[in-house]
Amino acid sequence: MTTTERPTNLDRLAALDPVFAQLVGATAQYVRAIPELTDREKAFLCVAADVCQGSLGLAFTAHVRTGLAAGVSTSDIRELLRFVSYDCGYHAATAGIERITELEAELGLPRPDAEPLAPELLSTGPDAAPSPLPDPVRARLDELDEHFTGYFDLQSRMRTGHGPGTLSERERGLVSLSVDVHYQTLADTFRTHVGRALRGGAAPEDVRAGLRFNAQFGVTRAWHAWEALNVILAEK
C-alpha cells in the first residue's frame, strides 16, 4: 500500500491481528459471492447484524463504507435503522443512529432530511389510520394481550411508507427474518417474516441466500435457523 492509498477495512484489521484479518477476508469473500442477494441487501443485512449484536465499532464502520461504495446512501441506512428498531428495540437502534451521525460527520457527508410522519400514523385513537397488520397476525396477538396488539398496530402504521428512501417489501422481509436469526426467535415471528420476504417477491432460494449470508454473524445461530427455515419452506 502506498502512502497515498487509504487503508482498507482488512488493512485496519490486519493492524490489530493479521491472522484474524485472514479469517475475516476469506469469510467475507465467500459470503459476498452469494448471487441471489443484491449488494444493497447485503449491506442492509450487515448493518442490521451490527445493531442487533451491539457491534458499532470497526465492523459497523466497515459495513457502512462498503455500502456507500455500492451506492447505498446514509439516508438508506437511516431508514434501515428506523425500520429495524421495531424488532431489535429502540435502545439498540438509537446507538446505531448515533453512530451513523458520527460517520456522516467523519466522512463529510450531509445529514439527510426526512419527511415527518403523518399525524394519523402516530395516533392510537379514533383518528389513527387502519392497522396494516394481516388479520391472522392480529388475531394471534390478541390471544397474547390486547394492549400488545395495539403496540404492534402503532409500530406497523409508522412503517407503512413506501417510495424514495424506504425499504422494499423484499428488503424488509430479509432484514426482519435476519433479526430473528440474531435473537433466535425462530417460531411465530420468523415464520411471519419469511412470509413477508416471499410476499415481497423473494423466491425461496433468495430467502435461503439470506440465511447463508447470515452465517458469518454466528454459525450456531444460523444452524438453528436452518432447522426452522427448512420446515417453513417445506410447507410452502
Foldseek 3Di string as FASTA:
>chain_A
DDPPDDDALLSVVCVVPVVVSVVVVVLCVVLVPLPLDDQLLLLLLQCLLCLLVVPLPSSNVNSVVSNVVSPHDLLLVLQSLLLCCVPSNPVSSVVVVVSSVVVCVVVVHDDDDDDDDDPLLQDLDPSHDDFPDDPVVLVVVVVVPNVVSSVNSSSRSRQPDDDPSHDQQLSSLLSQLSSCLSVVVLPPSNLVSVVSNVVRPDDLVSSVSSLVSSCVSPVVSSVSNVVSSVVSVVVD
